[in-house]
Protein backbone atom coordinates (compact mmCIF):
# COMPACT_ATOMS: atom_id res chain seq x y z
CA UNK A 1 8.50 -6.65 -23.64
CA UNK A 2 10.91 -6.37 -20.70
CA UNK A 3 9.53 -3.96 -17.89
CA UNK A 4 12.60 -2.02 -16.72
CA UNK A 5 12.06 -1.61 -12.76
CA UNK A 6 13.51 0.70 -10.17
CA UNK A 7 12.92 0.17 -6.69
CA UNK A 8 13.05 2.49 -3.45
CA UNK A 9 12.90 0.70 0.30
CA UNK A 10 14.80 -2.06 -0.69
CA UNK A 11 16.64 -2.46 2.51
CA UNK A 12 13.10 -2.86 4.36
CA UNK A 13 11.67 -6.37 4.55
CA UNK A 14 9.21 -5.51 2.36
CA UNK A 15 11.90 -4.41 -0.25
CA UNK A 16 13.94 -7.11 0.65
CA UNK A 17 11.17 -9.33 -0.57
CA UNK A 18 10.23 -7.50 -3.38
CA UNK A 19 14.09 -7.62 -4.84
CA UNK A 20 14.00 -11.51 -4.91
CA UNK A 21 10.83 -11.60 -6.85
CA UNK A 22 11.66 -9.28 -9.34
CA UNK A 23 14.95 -10.69 -9.64
CA UNK A 24 13.41 -14.05 -10.17
CA UNK A 25 10.02 -12.57 -12.39
CA UNK A 26 10.23 -13.32 -16.10
CA UNK A 27 9.63 -10.24 -17.86
CA UNK A 28 11.06 -7.89 -15.31
CA UNK A 29 14.35 -6.43 -14.82
CA UNK A 30 15.32 -4.87 -12.07
CA UNK A 31 17.87 -2.16 -13.34
CA UNK A 32 18.15 0.34 -10.38
CA UNK A 33 17.74 0.63 -6.49
CA UNK A 34 17.06 4.56 -4.86
CA UNK A 35 18.63 4.16 -1.19
CA UNK A 36 19.61 7.46 0.28
CA UNK A 37 21.75 5.74 2.84
CA UNK A 38 23.86 4.04 0.02
CA UNK A 39 26.64 2.21 1.69
CA UNK A 40 27.51 0.30 -1.44
CA UNK A 41 27.85 0.61 -5.54
CA UNK A 42 25.24 -2.19 -6.09
CA UNK A 43 22.70 -4.20 -4.28
CA UNK A 44 25.43 -7.21 -4.14
CA UNK A 45 27.53 -4.89 -2.16
CA UNK A 46 24.88 -5.25 0.95
CA UNK A 47 24.64 -7.99 3.25
CA UNK A 48 20.95 -8.45 2.62
CA UNK A 49 21.68 -9.84 -1.00
CA UNK A 50 23.86 -12.15 -2.82
CA UNK A 51 26.83 -10.96 -4.70
CA UNK A 52 25.16 -11.35 -8.37
CA UNK A 53 22.85 -8.72 -7.60
CA UNK A 54 24.40 -6.00 -9.42
CA UNK A 55 21.78 -3.69 -9.98
CA UNK A 56 23.43 -0.35 -9.07
CA UNK A 57 22.44 1.63 -6.20
CA UNK A 58 21.60 5.77 -6.60
CA UNK A 59 20.93 8.47 -3.61
CA UNK A 60 19.69 10.82 -6.85
CA UNK A 61 16.62 10.31 -8.54
CA UNK A 62 17.19 12.34 -11.61
CA UNK A 63 20.52 10.41 -11.75
CA UNK A 64 18.79 7.26 -11.17
CA UNK A 65 16.53 8.12 -14.40
CA UNK A 66 18.74 9.50 -16.86
CA UNK A 67 21.39 6.30 -16.27
CA UNK A 68 18.72 3.58 -16.28
CA UNK A 69 15.80 4.63 -17.79
CA UNK A 70 13.20 2.56 -15.93
CA UNK A 71 9.74 1.77 -17.11
CA UNK A 72 8.23 1.66 -13.18
CA UNK A 73 9.28 3.12 -9.77
CA UNK A 74 8.20 0.74 -6.76
CA UNK A 75 8.19 2.85 -3.56
CA UNK A 76 8.26 0.74 -0.48
CA UNK A 77 9.59 3.54 1.67
CA UNK A 78 7.77 5.26 4.19
CA UNK A 79 4.80 7.86 4.55
CA UNK A 80 7.17 10.71 4.76
CA UNK A 81 8.88 10.40 1.49
CA UNK A 82 6.17 8.84 -0.56
CA UNK A 83 4.42 11.75 -1.98
CA UNK A 84 7.86 13.43 -3.26
CA UNK A 85 9.07 10.04 -4.61
CA UNK A 86 5.69 9.64 -6.70
CA UNK A 87 5.37 13.08 -7.65
CA UNK A 88 8.70 13.17 -8.99
CA UNK A 89 8.81 9.85 -10.87
CA UNK A 90 5.44 11.18 -12.52
CA UNK A 91 7.26 14.26 -13.19
CA UNK A 92 10.24 12.03 -15.18
CA UNK A 93 7.85 10.05 -16.95
CA UNK A 94 8.29 6.89 -14.79
CA UNK A 95 5.07 5.14 -13.74
CA UNK A 96 4.71 4.42 -9.89
CA UNK A 97 3.52 1.57 -8.56
CA UNK A 98 3.71 2.65 -4.37
CA UNK A 99 3.21 0.18 -1.88
CA UNK A 100 3.25 2.60 1.24
CA UNK A 101 0.31 4.53 2.60
CA UNK A 102 0.14 7.79 4.25
CA UNK A 103 -1.16 10.23 1.48
CA UNK A 104 -3.61 13.27 2.18
CA UNK A 105 -6.61 13.50 0.03
CA UNK A 106 -5.04 16.87 -1.44
CA UNK A 107 -1.96 15.17 -2.22
CA UNK A 108 -3.87 12.31 -3.94
CA UNK A 109 -6.03 14.90 -6.06
CA UNK A 110 -2.72 16.44 -7.21
CA UNK A 111 -0.93 13.18 -8.25
CA UNK A 112 -4.11 12.11 -9.91
CA UNK A 113 -4.17 15.71 -12.22
CA UNK A 114 -0.25 15.15 -12.81
CA UNK A 115 -0.77 11.52 -13.79
CA UNK A 116 -3.88 12.38 -16.35
CA UNK A 117 -1.79 15.28 -17.53
CA UNK A 118 1.10 12.88 -18.29
CA UNK A 119 -0.94 10.23 -19.79
CA UNK A 120 0.98 7.80 -17.33
CA UNK A 121 -0.47 5.13 -15.26
CA UNK A 122 0.08 4.90 -11.63
CA UNK A 123 -1.35 2.75 -9.06
CA UNK A 124 -1.01 3.45 -5.19
CA UNK A 125 -1.99 0.17 -3.41
CA UNK A 126 -2.97 0.14 0.66
CA UNK A 127 -2.34 -3.60 0.43
CA UNK A 128 -1.19 -5.80 -2.54
CA UNK A 129 -2.19 -9.10 -0.89
CA UNK A 130 -4.76 -10.31 -2.89
CA UNK A 131 -7.00 -11.92 -0.41
CA UNK A 132 -7.32 -8.48 1.55
CA UNK A 133 -8.50 -6.86 -1.78
CA UNK A 134 -11.39 -9.28 -1.50
CA UNK A 135 -11.86 -8.59 2.26
CA UNK A 136 -12.34 -5.32 1.64
CA UNK A 137 -14.65 -5.89 -1.44
CA UNK A 138 -17.37 -8.37 0.74
CA UNK A 139 -17.12 -6.15 3.23
CA UNK A 140 -18.50 -3.35 1.36
CA UNK A 141 -20.90 -6.10 0.20
CA UNK A 142 -21.86 -6.69 3.77
CA UNK A 143 -22.43 -3.20 4.87
CA UNK A 144 -25.05 -2.88 2.46
CA UNK A 145 -27.15 -4.96 5.39
CA UNK A 146 -25.13 -4.66 8.13
CA UNK A 147 -24.77 -0.92 9.01
CA UNK A 148 -23.32 -1.44 12.40
CA UNK A 149 -19.58 -2.11 11.14
CA UNK A 150 -16.25 -1.85 13.46
CA UNK A 151 -12.83 -2.53 11.80
CA UNK A 152 -9.56 -4.13 13.86
CA UNK A 153 -6.47 -3.66 11.96
CA UNK A 154 -3.16 -5.46 13.03
CA UNK A 155 -0.14 -4.99 12.50
CA UNK A 156 3.72 -5.13 13.44
CA UNK A 157 4.80 -2.86 16.01
CA UNK A 158 7.46 -1.06 13.64
CA UNK A 159 4.33 0.25 11.33
CA UNK A 160 4.70 4.15 11.44
CA UNK A 161 1.10 4.83 10.76
CA UNK A 162 -2.16 4.23 12.40
CA UNK A 163 -4.94 3.50 11.09
CA UNK A 164 -3.15 1.18 8.43
CA UNK A 165 -3.96 2.44 5.06
CA UNK A 166 -6.02 -0.84 4.70
CA UNK A 167 -7.96 0.24 7.44
CA UNK A 168 -8.72 3.45 6.04
CA UNK A 169 -9.54 2.08 2.68
CA UNK A 170 -11.83 -0.44 3.89
CA UNK A 171 -13.60 2.21 5.68
CA UNK A 172 -14.18 4.46 2.60
CA UNK A 173 -15.31 1.51 0.49
CA UNK A 174 -17.70 0.78 3.27
CA UNK A 175 -19.07 4.20 3.45
CA UNK A 176 -20.13 4.75 0.05
CA UNK A 177 -22.98 2.13 0.57
CA UNK A 178 -23.47 2.72 4.33
CA UNK A 179 -26.00 5.66 5.46
CA UNK A 180 -24.22 7.59 7.82
CA UNK A 181 -24.33 6.58 11.53
CA UNK A 182 -22.95 7.26 14.56
CA UNK A 183 -22.65 4.01 16.12
CA UNK A 184 -22.83 3.23 20.04
CA UNK A 185 -24.83 4.45 22.90
CA UNK A 186 -25.32 8.77 22.04
CA UNK A 187 -24.07 9.48 25.42
CA UNK A 188 -21.46 7.53 25.30
CA UNK A 189 -18.27 8.73 26.65
CA UNK A 190 -14.39 7.86 26.16
CA UNK A 191 -12.92 7.49 30.18
CA UNK A 192 -9.49 7.19 28.60
CA UNK A 193 -8.85 8.87 25.07
CA UNK A 194 -8.65 6.70 22.01
CA UNK A 195 -10.32 3.82 23.74
CA UNK A 196 -13.36 3.80 20.76
CA UNK A 197 -10.52 4.26 18.24
CA UNK A 198 -10.68 6.24 15.21
CA UNK A 199 -13.88 7.86 14.18
CA UNK A 200 -14.43 7.25 10.16
CA UNK A 201 -18.52 8.72 9.29
CA UNK A 202 -19.45 7.09 12.50
CA UNK A 203 -17.72 3.56 12.24
CA UNK A 204 -14.75 2.98 14.57
CA UNK A 205 -11.30 1.77 13.34
CA UNK A 206 -8.94 0.28 15.90
CA UNK A 207 -5.07 -0.15 15.57
CA UNK A 208 -3.02 -2.94 17.54
CA UNK A 209 0.79 -2.75 17.33
CA UNK A 210 2.69 -6.16 18.46
CA UNK A 211 5.77 -7.67 17.36
CA UNK A 212 4.81 -11.24 15.66
CA UNK A 213 2.05 -9.54 13.89
CA UNK A 214 2.38 -8.92 10.01
CA UNK A 215 -0.66 -7.75 8.57
CA UNK A 216 -4.13 -8.66 9.49
CA UNK A 217 -7.57 -7.14 9.37
CA UNK A 218 -10.86 -8.00 10.61
CA UNK A 219 -14.47 -6.44 9.80
CA UNK A 220 -17.28 -7.23 12.59
CA UNK A 221 -20.91 -6.35 11.57
CA UNK A 222 -23.60 -6.38 14.20
CA UNK A 223 -27.15 -7.51 13.85
CA UNK A 224 -30.09 -8.27 15.94
CA UNK A 225 -28.81 -11.84 17.38
CA UNK A 226 -26.00 -12.00 15.13
CA UNK A 227 -22.26 -11.30 14.35
CA UNK A 228 -20.57 -11.28 10.65
CA UNK A 229 -16.54 -11.17 10.77
CA UNK A 230 -14.67 -11.03 7.68
CA UNK A 231 -11.11 -11.67 8.37
CA UNK A 232 -7.67 -11.35 6.25
CA UNK A 233 -4.17 -12.71 7.27
CA UNK A 234 -0.84 -12.13 5.64
CA UNK A 235 1.41 -14.69 7.51
CA UNK A 236 4.73 -13.29 5.76
CA UNK A 237 5.63 -11.03 3.15
CA UNK A 238 5.51 -13.24 -0.09
CA UNK A 239 1.76 -13.20 0.28
CA UNK A 240 2.14 -9.36 -0.90
CA UNK A 241 4.36 -10.48 -4.05
CA UNK A 242 1.51 -11.48 -6.43
CA UNK A 243 -0.13 -8.07 -6.06
CA UNK A 244 3.09 -6.31 -6.78
CA UNK A 245 3.86 -8.42 -9.99
CA UNK A 246 0.68 -7.64 -10.88
CA UNK A 247 0.74 -4.02 -10.38
CA UNK A 248 4.06 -3.68 -12.17
CA UNK A 249 2.55 -5.41 -15.29
CA UNK A 250 -1.14 -3.21 -15.15
CA UNK A 251 0.28 -0.08 -14.64
CA UNK A 252 2.08 -0.17 -17.99
CA UNK A 253 -1.49 -0.48 -19.43
CA UNK A 254 -2.80 2.39 -17.69
CA UNK A 255 -2.83 6.47 -18.24
CA UNK A 256 -4.44 7.58 -14.98
CA UNK A 257 -4.09 7.00 -11.02
CA UNK A 258 -5.51 4.17 -9.62
CA UNK A 259 -6.08 4.15 -6.03
CA UNK A 260 -6.69 0.39 -4.47
CA UNK A 261 -6.16 -2.73 -6.37
CA UNK A 262 -10.21 -3.40 -5.76
CA UNK A 263 -10.66 -0.83 -8.61
CA UNK A 264 -9.00 -3.41 -11.19
CA UNK A 265 -9.48 -6.58 -9.57
């Protein structure tokens, strides 16, 4: 069976890499692109892609679905639009695979209910890199023995959300096994607001944004006389493509929403 895929966010750096991956992938067919800027009839009409990339570009999701009938909708856009895209895909019986973060808890609950009602798979992955998923799993295991932990996530300076979805997801996983604890001195005071980073159940998440970075995270655990650091680095966006193709295949087998690849790897 060939899986028909539509992509939103094809102009972005992740999107460009995903388009090339879909075009080379056996068993997958890139049938359409959602792009509100448009500017061309097909991908091949954009400077970013070769002429033989003939997937049509749509500005209207309903028309995209009616004319190309995709099985999977891969969203690599922005936090501002990803919720509406995911909800719309489910409403039109298209399985979403989402690599954009920025969902609220209420939105995730609503989308979970919608996926359940439709008996449709939906995968929301704060990080598609397999190594990053293992980093989060290892950090959760370590937190059983090291309750003092801080997360430092580092990304390129074009990233819109902070902390990153991976940073938040890591903190959520750690909090499942770690007794809540406010770290640092009880009388600690920030002389500059934000110096200690975001506070999640007493642990701190620090966000670094610099040109030259792609996606990196280290989880630091402190104990008596020792430190444990678990780190993952994505050196280029190709590191995410294995996870994307895995999710496109896996979402076809599912009938509910899955938040985080650690739940299926």
